[in-house]
Amino acid sequence: MPAKTDSEPAVRPPASALPPGPLTIEAAFTASFVRPLPENTEELGSALLGAAAEQLGLATVTADLRG
């Protein structure tokens, strides 16, 4: 049996699974007028990308946010 490489999953994914690779997070949000919208958007995007990578182990490259 050949050795498993890092790019091969340990368990074969189901046919309905997403293909491996970087993902994009899409989210809509509301913000108050206390802080400028670009600040809110940047902070939320960083938090979502960080959580996806650190807590879920997902390789995400962008966060598409609509405020």
PDB file of N, CA and C in Angstrom:
ATOM      1  N   MET A   1       0.850  -1.172   0.000  1.00  0.00           N
ATOM      2  CA  MET A   1       0.000   0.000   0.000  1.00  0.00           C
ATOM      3  C   MET A   1       0.897   1.237   0.000  1.00  0.00           C
ATOM      4  N   PRO A   2       0.667   2.207  -0.923  1.00  0.00           N
ATOM      5  CA  PRO A   2       1.488   3.421  -0.953  1.00  0.00           C
ATOM      6  C   PRO A   2       1.228   4.294   0.263  1.00  0.00           C
ATOM      7  N   ALA A   3       2.235   5.081   0.630  1.00  0.00           N
ATOM      8  CA  ALA A   3       2.120   5.979   1.785  1.00  0.00           C
ATOM      9  C   ALA A   3       1.173   7.129   1.467  1.00  0.00           C
ATOM     10  N   LYS A   4       0.437   7.557   2.487  1.00  0.00           N
ATOM     11  CA  LYS A   4      -0.486   8.690   2.349  1.00  0.00           C
ATOM     12  C   LYS A   4       0.304   9.990   2.325  1.00  0.00           C
ATOM     13  N   THR A   5      -0.053  10.891   1.426  1.00  0.00           N
ATOM     14  CA  THR A   5       0.579  12.201   1.377  1.00  0.00           C
ATOM     15  C   THR A   5      -0.297  13.203   2.114  1.00  0.00           C
ATOM     16  N   ASP A   6       0.236  14.393   2.403  1.00  0.00           N
ATOM     17  CA  ASP A   6      -0.524  15.427   3.111  1.00  0.00           C
ATOM     18  C   ASP A   6      -1.719  15.923   2.319  1.00  0.00           C
ATOM     19  N   SER A   7      -1.666  15.821   0.991  1.00  0.00           N
ATOM     20  CA  SER A   7      -2.761  16.340   0.177  1.00  0.00           C
ATOM     21  C   SER A   7      -3.917  15.351   0.055  1.00  0.00           C
ATOM     22  N   GLU A   8      -3.730  14.112   0.474  1.00  0.00           N
ATOM     23  CA  GLU A   8      -4.794  13.118   0.410  1.00  0.00           C
ATOM     24  C   GLU A   8      -5.553  13.082   1.731  1.00  0.00           C
ATOM     25  N   PRO A   9      -6.884  13.057   1.680  1.00  0.00           N
ATOM     26  CA  PRO A   9      -7.639  12.983   2.933  1.00  0.00           C
ATOM     27  C   PRO A   9      -7.471  11.609   3.583  1.00  0.00           C
ATOM     28  N   ALA A  10      -7.559  11.565   4.897  1.00  0.00           N
ATOM     29  CA  ALA A  10      -7.448  10.304   5.629  1.00  0.00           C
ATOM     30  C   ALA A  10      -8.646   9.407   5.335  1.00  0.00           C
ATOM     31  N   VAL A  11      -9.793  10.023   5.142  1.00  0.00           N
ATOM     32  CA  VAL A  11     -11.022   9.295   4.823  1.00  0.00           C
ATOM     33  C   VAL A  11     -11.565   9.866   3.526  1.00  0.00           C
ATOM     34  N   ARG A  12     -11.993   9.002   2.644  1.00  0.00           N
ATOM     35  CA  ARG A  12     -12.531   9.460   1.359  1.00  0.00           C
ATOM     36  C   ARG A  12     -13.795  10.286   1.588  1.00  0.00           C
ATOM     37  N   PRO A  13     -13.854  11.512   1.032  1.00  0.00           N
ATOM     38  CA  PRO A  13     -15.033  12.364   1.245  1.00  0.00           C
ATOM     39  C   PRO A  13     -16.229  11.852   0.447  1.00  0.00           C
ATOM     40  N   PRO A  14     -17.442  12.194   0.887  1.00  0.00           N
ATOM     41  CA  PRO A  14     -18.626  11.781   0.126  1.00  0.00           C
ATOM     42  C   PRO A  14     -18.675  12.496  -1.224  1.00  0.00           C
ATOM     43  N   ALA A  15     -19.423  11.949  -2.130  1.00  0.00           N
ATOM     44  CA  ALA A  15     -19.527  12.513  -3.484  1.00  0.00           C
ATOM     45  C   ALA A  15     -20.051  13.947  -3.471  1.00  0.00           C
ATOM     46  N   SER A  16     -20.849  14.315  -2.472  1.00  0.00           N
ATOM     47  CA  SER A  16     -21.429  15.656  -2.404  1.00  0.00           C
ATOM     48  C   SER A  16     -20.497  16.682  -1.751  1.00  0.00           C
ATOM     49  N   ALA A  17     -19.308  16.275  -1.320  1.00  0.00           N
ATOM     50  CA  ALA A  17     -18.381  17.176  -0.628  1.00  0.00           C
ATOM     51  C   ALA A  17     -17.800  18.217  -1.587  1.00  0.00           C
ATOM     52  N   LEU A  18     -17.449  19.381  -1.018  1.00  0.00           N
ATOM     53  CA  LEU A  18     -16.772  20.409  -1.804  1.00  0.00           C
ATOM     54  C   LEU A  18     -15.379  19.930  -2.171  1.00  0.00           C
ATOM     55  N   PRO A  19     -14.861  20.339  -3.335  1.00  0.00           N
ATOM     56  CA  PRO A  19     -13.490  19.961  -3.676  1.00  0.00           C
ATOM     57  C   PRO A  19     -12.509  20.639  -2.726  1.00  0.00           C
ATOM     58  N   PRO A  20     -11.365  20.005  -2.450  1.00  0.00           N
ATOM     59  CA  PRO A  20     -10.387  20.633  -1.559  1.00  0.00           C
ATOM     60  C   PRO A  20      -9.827  21.912  -2.172  1.00  0.00           C
ATOM     61  N   GLY A  21      -9.430  22.828  -1.334  1.00  0.00           N
ATOM     62  CA  GLY A  21      -8.828  24.072  -1.809  1.00  0.00           C
ATOM     63  C   GLY A  21      -9.337  25.258  -1.026  1.00  0.00           C
ATOM     64  N   PRO A  22      -8.802  26.435  -1.332  1.00  0.00           N
ATOM     65  CA  PRO A  22      -9.188  27.655  -0.616  1.00  0.00           C
ATOM     66  C   PRO A  22     -10.675  27.972  -0.795  1.00  0.00           C
ATOM     67  N   LEU A  23     -11.261  28.523   0.247  1.00  0.00           N
ATOM     68  CA  LEU A  23     -12.676  28.867   0.241  1.00  0.00           C
ATOM     69  C   LEU A  23     -12.864  30.368   0.395  1.00  0.00           C
ATOM     70  N   THR A  24     -14.043  30.854   0.015  1.00  0.00           N
ATOM     71  CA  THR A  24     -14.429  32.238   0.232  1.00  0.00           C
ATOM     72  C   THR A  24     -15.591  32.258   1.203  1.00  0.00           C
ATOM     73  N   ILE A  25     -15.515  33.115   2.206  1.00  0.00           N
ATOM     74  CA  ILE A  25     -16.610  33.297   3.153  1.00  0.00           C
ATOM     75  C   ILE A  25     -17.485  34.429   2.634  1.00  0.00           C
ATOM     76  N   GLU A  26     -18.790  34.191   2.543  1.00  0.00           N
ATOM     77  CA  GLU A  26     -19.737  35.236   2.155  1.00  0.00           C
ATOM     78  C   GLU A  26     -20.650  35.500   3.346  1.00  0.00           C
ATOM     79  N   ALA A  27     -20.815  36.771   3.695  1.00  0.00           N
ATOM     80  CA  ALA A  27     -21.650  37.115   4.842  1.00  0.00           C
ATOM     81  C   ALA A  27     -22.259  38.495   4.664  1.00  0.00           C
ATOM     82  N   ALA A  28     -23.456  38.653   5.193  1.00  0.00           N
ATOM     83  CA  ALA A  28     -24.108  39.960   5.249  1.00  0.00           C
ATOM     84  C   ALA A  28     -24.183  40.356   6.718  1.00  0.00           C
ATOM     85  N   PHE A  29     -24.049  41.645   6.994  1.00  0.00           N
ATOM     86  CA  PHE A  29     -24.080  42.109   8.377  1.00  0.00           C
ATOM     87  C   PHE A  29     -24.663  43.506   8.448  1.00  0.00           C
ATOM     88  N   THR A  30     -25.062  43.881   9.651  1.00  0.00           N
ATOM     89  CA  THR A  30     -25.504  45.252   9.896  1.00  0.00           C
ATOM     90  C   THR A  30     -24.518  45.896  10.860  1.00  0.00           C
ATOM     91  N   ALA A  31     -24.370  47.197  10.739  1.00  0.00           N
ATOM     92  CA  ALA A  31     -23.408  47.920  11.578  1.00  0.00           C
ATOM     93  C   ALA A  31     -24.064  49.195  12.093  1.00  0.00           C
ATOM     94  N   SER A  32     -23.542  49.680  13.201  1.00  0.00           N
ATOM     95  CA  SER A  32     -24.039  50.936  13.752  1.00  0.00           C
ATOM     96  C   SER A  32     -23.248  52.095  13.148  1.00  0.00           C
ATOM     97  N   PHE A  33     -23.681  53.292  13.443  1.00  0.00           N
ATOM     98  CA  PHE A  33     -22.986  54.472  12.936  1.00  0.00           C
ATOM     99  C   PHE A  33     -21.897  54.952  13.898  1.00  0.00           C
ATOM    100  N   VAL A  34     -21.628  54.191  14.946  1.00  0.00           N
ATOM    101  CA  VAL A  34     -20.617  54.578  15.927  1.00  0.00           C
ATOM    102  C   VAL A  34     -19.222  54.528  15.315  1.00  0.00           C
ATOM    103  N   ARG A  35     -18.964  53.510  14.502  1.00  0.00           N
ATOM    104  CA  ARG A  35     -17.656  53.362  13.843  1.00  0.00           C
ATOM    105  C   ARG A  35     -17.857  53.391  12.335  1.00  0.00           C
ATOM    106  N   PRO A  36     -16.870  53.842  11.588  1.00  0.00           N
ATOM    107  CA  PRO A  36     -16.987  53.844  10.124  1.00  0.00           C
ATOM    108  C   PRO A  36     -17.157  52.424   9.578  1.00  0.00           C
ATOM    109  N   LEU A  37     -17.957  52.288   8.538  1.00  0.00           N
ATOM    110  CA  LEU A  37     -18.230  50.993   7.936  1.00  0.00           C
ATOM    111  C   LEU A  37     -16.951  50.252   7.518  1.00  0.00           C
ATOM    112  N   PRO A  38     -15.967  50.915   6.902  1.00  0.00           N
ATOM    113  CA  PRO A  38     -14.739  50.184   6.539  1.00  0.00           C
ATOM    114  C   PRO A  38     -14.036  49.546   7.740  1.00  0.00           C
ATOM    115  N   GLU A  39     -14.060  50.211   8.899  1.00  0.00           N
ATOM    116  CA  GLU A  39     -13.455  49.638  10.107  1.00  0.00           C
ATOM    117  C   GLU A  39     -14.208  48.387  10.533  1.00  0.00           C
ATOM    118  N   ASN A  40     -15.544  48.474  10.568  1.00  0.00           N
ATOM    119  CA  ASN A  40     -16.357  47.313  10.930  1.00  0.00           C
ATOM    120  C   ASN A  40     -16.117  46.153   9.969  1.00  0.00           C
ATOM    121  N   THR A  41     -16.098  46.454   8.684  1.00  0.00           N
ATOM    122  CA  THR A  41     -15.909  45.424   7.674  1.00  0.00           C
ATOM    123  C   THR A  41     -14.548  44.753   7.813  1.00  0.00           C
ATOM    124  N   GLU A  42     -13.502  45.530   7.998  1.00  0.00           N
ATOM    125  CA  GLU A  42     -12.157  44.970   8.142  1.00  0.00           C
ATOM    126  C   GLU A  42     -12.050  44.092   9.388  1.00  0.00           C
ATOM    127  N   GLU A  43     -12.600  44.563  10.497  1.00  0.00           N
ATOM    128  CA  GLU A  43     -12.530  43.797  11.744  1.00  0.00           C
ATOM    129  C   GLU A  43     -13.321  42.484  11.641  1.00  0.00           C
ATOM    130  N   LEU A  44     -14.514  42.552  11.066  1.00  0.00           N
ATOM    131  CA  LEU A  44     -15.328  41.349  10.901  1.00  0.00           C
ATOM    132  C   LEU A  44     -14.655  40.370   9.954  1.00  0.00           C
ATOM    133  N   GLY A  45     -14.111  40.868   8.850  1.00  0.00           N
ATOM    134  CA  GLY A  45     -13.419  39.989   7.899  1.00  0.00           C
ATOM    135  C   GLY A  45     -12.242  39.278   8.543  1.00  0.00           C
ATOM    136  N   SER A  46     -11.448  40.002   9.304  1.00  0.00           N
ATOM    137  CA  SER A  46     -10.305  39.401  10.000  1.00  0.00           C
ATOM    138  C   SER A  46     -10.760  38.344  10.998  1.00  0.00           C
ATOM    139  N   ALA A  47     -11.825  38.645  11.730  1.00  0.00           N
ATOM    140  CA  ALA A  47     -12.336  37.690  12.720  1.00  0.00           C
ATOM    141  C   ALA A  47     -12.850  36.417  12.044  1.00  0.00           C
ATOM    142  N   LEU A  48     -13.578  36.556  10.943  1.00  0.00           N
ATOM    143  CA  LEU A  48     -14.100  35.387  10.243  1.00  0.00           C
ATOM    144  C   LEU A  48     -12.983  34.535   9.639  1.00  0.00           C
ATOM    145  N   LEU A  49     -12.022  35.186   8.994  1.00  0.00           N
ATOM    146  CA  LEU A  49     -10.910  34.435   8.392  1.00  0.00           C
ATOM    147  C   LEU A  49     -10.069  33.751   9.462  1.00  0.00           C
ATOM    148  N   GLY A  50      -9.833  34.445  10.571  1.00  0.00           N
ATOM    149  CA  GLY A  50      -9.061  33.861  11.660  1.00  0.00           C
ATOM    150  C   GLY A  50      -9.759  32.660  12.273  1.00  0.00           C
ATOM    151  N   ALA A  51     -11.060  32.780  12.524  1.00  0.00           N
ATOM    152  CA  ALA A  51     -11.822  31.671  13.103  1.00  0.00           C
ATOM    153  C   ALA A  51     -11.878  30.478  12.148  1.00  0.00           C
ATOM    154  N   ALA A  52     -12.054  30.747  10.871  1.00  0.00           N
ATOM    155  CA  ALA A  52     -12.105  29.654   9.898  1.00  0.00           C
ATOM    156  C   ALA A  52     -10.788  28.876   9.885  1.00  0.00           C
ATOM    157  N   ALA A  53      -9.687  29.594   9.934  1.00  0.00           N
ATOM    158  CA  ALA A  53      -8.372  28.936   9.893  1.00  0.00           C
ATOM    159  C   ALA A  53      -8.025  28.271  11.219  1.00  0.00           C
ATOM    160  N   GLU A  54      -8.155  29.003  12.307  1.00  0.00           N
ATOM    161  CA  GLU A  54      -7.679  28.516  13.605  1.00  0.00           C
ATOM    162  C   GLU A  54      -8.629  27.523  14.268  1.00  0.00           C
ATOM    163  N   GLN A  55      -9.922  27.777  14.189  1.00  0.00           N
ATOM    164  CA  GLN A  55     -10.866  26.930  14.904  1.00  0.00           C
ATOM    165  C   GLN A  55     -11.446  25.803  14.050  1.00  0.00           C
ATOM    166  N   LEU A  56     -11.555  26.049  12.733  1.00  0.00           N
ATOM    167  CA  LEU A  56     -12.149  25.043  11.859  1.00  0.00           C
ATOM    168  C   LEU A  56     -11.131  24.359  10.954  1.00  0.00           C
ATOM    169  N   GLY A  57      -9.934  24.930  10.851  1.00  0.00           N
ATOM    170  CA  GLY A  57      -8.905  24.340   9.995  1.00  0.00           C
ATOM    171  C   GLY A  57      -9.185  24.491   8.511  1.00  0.00           C
ATOM    172  N   LEU A  58      -9.953  25.518   8.133  1.00  0.00           N
ATOM    173  CA  LEU A  58     -10.289  25.742   6.725  1.00  0.00           C
ATOM    174  C   LEU A  58      -9.299  26.691   6.083  1.00  0.00           C
ATOM    175  N   ALA A  59      -8.941  26.405   4.851  1.00  0.00           N
ATOM    176  CA  ALA A  59      -8.061  27.288   4.085  1.00  0.00           C
ATOM    177  C   ALA A  59      -8.929  28.302   3.353  1.00  0.00           C
ATOM    178  N   THR A  60      -9.099  29.474   3.938  1.00  0.00           N
ATOM    179  CA  THR A  60      -9.900  30.536   3.317  1.00  0.00           C
ATOM    180  C   THR A  60      -8.964  31.644   2.841  1.00  0.00           C
ATOM    181  N   VAL A  61      -9.323  32.272   1.736  1.00  0.00           N
ATOM    182  CA  VAL A  61      -8.475  33.334   1.203  1.00  0.00           C
ATOM    183  C   VAL A  61      -9.161  34.686   1.186  1.00  0.00           C
ATOM    184  N   THR A  62     -10.486  34.697   1.142  1.00  0.00           N
ATOM    185  CA  THR A  62     -11.193  35.982   1.105  1.00  0.00           C
ATOM    186  C   THR A  62     -12.484  35.902   1.922  1.00  0.00           C
ATOM    187  N   ALA A  63     -12.924  37.062   2.353  1.00  0.00           N
ATOM    188  CA  ALA A  63     -14.225  37.197   3.008  1.00  0.00           C
ATOM    189  C   ALA A  63     -14.992  38.265   2.245  1.00  0.00           C
ATOM    190  N   ASP A  64     -16.079  37.873   1.592  1.00  0.00           N
ATOM    191  CA  ASP A  64     -16.922  38.782   0.827  1.00  0.00           C
ATOM    192  C   ASP A  64     -18.046  39.238   1.742  1.00  0.00           C
ATOM    193  N   LEU A  65     -17.939  40.477   2.237  1.00  0.00           N
ATOM    194  CA  LEU A  65     -18.889  40.992   3.234  1.00  0.00           C
ATOM    195  C   LEU A  65     -19.764  42.078   2.634  1.00  0.00           C
ATOM    196  N   ARG A  66     -21.048  42.031   2.975  1.00  0.00           N
ATOM    197  CA  ARG A  66     -21.994  43.072   2.558  1.00  0.00           C
ATOM    198  C   ARG A  66     -22.607  43.684   3.799  1.00  0.00           C
ATOM    199  N   GLY A  67     -22.394  44.978   3.960  1.00  0.00           N
ATOM    200  CA  GLY A  67     -22.917  45.648   5.147  1.00  0.00           C
ATOM    201  C   GLY A  67     -24.039  46.583   4.809  1.00  0.00           C
TER     202      GLY A  67
END
